[in-house]
């Protein structure tokens, strides 16, 4: 007859995963291969301490850039922005 284990509870895989998800809502774990030099340069340029923060902030900047481009495009369509880089047309 096996002895019961006292004082320890075994976690199931589901409970371990749900606990990990509660730390950062919407976050997932990814394993990627990347150039360490680029990651170090990005971390320094962005002024963050961890590689995770560097990647997260860089992705935020990419998403924000897209939002800016979409907003400027919409403003141009509405006639609200003059294109300063357009070449002058000859008469």
Protein backbone atom coordinates (compact mmCIF):
# COMPACT_ATOMS: atom_id res chain seq x y z
CA UNK A 1 0.00 0.00 0.00
CA UNK A 2 1.41 3.40 -1.00
CA UNK A 3 1.87 6.10 1.59
CA UNK A 4 -0.08 9.28 1.04
CA UNK A 5 1.98 12.38 0.40
CA UNK A 6 1.26 14.93 3.12
CA UNK A 7 1.75 18.67 2.73
CA UNK A 8 2.25 18.66 -1.02
CA UNK A 9 -0.34 19.19 -3.65
CA UNK A 10 0.35 18.39 -7.22
CA UNK A 11 -0.60 21.05 -9.73
CA UNK A 12 -2.10 20.03 -12.99
CA UNK A 13 -0.80 21.50 -16.22
CA UNK A 14 -3.93 23.65 -16.55
CA UNK A 15 -3.52 25.30 -13.17
CA UNK A 16 0.15 26.06 -13.82
CA UNK A 17 -0.70 27.67 -17.15
CA UNK A 18 -3.56 29.73 -15.77
CA UNK A 19 -1.35 31.09 -12.99
CA UNK A 20 1.30 32.13 -15.52
CA UNK A 21 -1.29 33.97 -17.60
CA UNK A 22 -2.51 36.07 -14.69
CA UNK A 23 0.81 37.93 -14.46
CA UNK A 24 0.38 39.76 -17.77
CA UNK A 25 -2.97 39.64 -19.46
CA UNK A 26 -2.66 38.95 -23.18
CA UNK A 27 1.00 37.93 -22.99
CA UNK A 28 2.29 34.70 -24.52
CA UNK A 29 5.66 33.02 -24.33
CA UNK A 30 7.65 32.90 -27.58
CA UNK A 31 11.01 31.40 -28.40
CA UNK A 32 12.69 33.12 -31.32
CA UNK A 33 16.11 33.06 -32.94
CA UNK A 34 17.53 36.56 -33.41
CA UNK A 35 20.75 38.50 -33.70
CA UNK A 36 21.99 39.16 -30.16
CA UNK A 37 23.86 42.29 -31.27
CA UNK A 38 20.65 43.83 -32.63
CA UNK A 39 18.79 42.94 -29.46
CA UNK A 40 21.51 44.50 -27.28
CA UNK A 41 21.55 47.64 -29.46
CA UNK A 42 17.76 47.93 -29.25
CA UNK A 43 17.82 47.47 -25.48
CA UNK A 44 20.40 50.26 -25.09
CA UNK A 45 18.69 52.59 -27.58
CA UNK A 46 15.32 52.14 -25.90
CA UNK A 47 16.78 52.53 -22.42
CA UNK A 48 15.28 49.38 -20.96
CA UNK A 49 16.82 46.75 -18.71
CA UNK A 50 15.57 43.50 -20.18
CA UNK A 51 15.38 41.91 -23.59
CA UNK A 52 11.66 41.33 -23.12
CA UNK A 53 11.10 45.04 -22.49
CA UNK A 54 13.16 45.90 -25.58
CA UNK A 55 11.14 43.60 -27.82
CA UNK A 56 7.83 44.77 -26.33
CA UNK A 57 8.67 48.45 -26.75
CA UNK A 58 10.01 47.93 -30.28
CA UNK A 59 6.76 46.20 -31.24
CA UNK A 60 4.80 49.07 -29.68
CA UNK A 61 6.76 51.51 -31.86
CA UNK A 62 6.01 49.48 -34.99
CA UNK A 63 2.30 49.41 -34.20
CA UNK A 64 2.31 53.14 -33.38
CA UNK A 65 4.09 53.95 -36.65
CA UNK A 66 1.37 52.13 -38.57
CA UNK A 67 -1.31 54.11 -36.71
CA UNK A 68 0.48 57.36 -37.58
CA UNK A 69 0.71 56.46 -41.27
CA UNK A 70 -2.98 55.54 -41.37
CA UNK A 71 -3.94 58.79 -39.62
CA UNK A 72 -1.83 60.97 -41.93
CA UNK A 73 -3.22 59.16 -44.98
CA UNK A 74 -6.77 59.81 -43.79
CA UNK A 75 -5.97 63.49 -43.17
CA UNK A 76 -4.46 63.86 -46.67
CA UNK A 77 -7.56 62.29 -48.22
CA UNK A 78 -9.66 64.83 -46.34
CA UNK A 79 -7.46 67.63 -47.69
CA UNK A 80 -5.97 68.59 -44.33
CA UNK A 81 -2.26 68.09 -45.06
CA UNK A 82 -0.18 69.74 -47.75
CA UNK A 83 2.51 67.55 -49.27
CA UNK A 84 5.70 69.57 -48.76
CA UNK A 85 7.82 66.98 -50.53
CA UNK A 86 5.85 66.99 -53.76
CA UNK A 87 7.87 68.41 -56.64
CA UNK A 88 6.59 71.70 -57.98
CA UNK A 89 4.72 71.28 -61.24
CA UNK A 90 5.85 73.21 -64.26
CA UNK A 91 3.23 75.25 -66.06
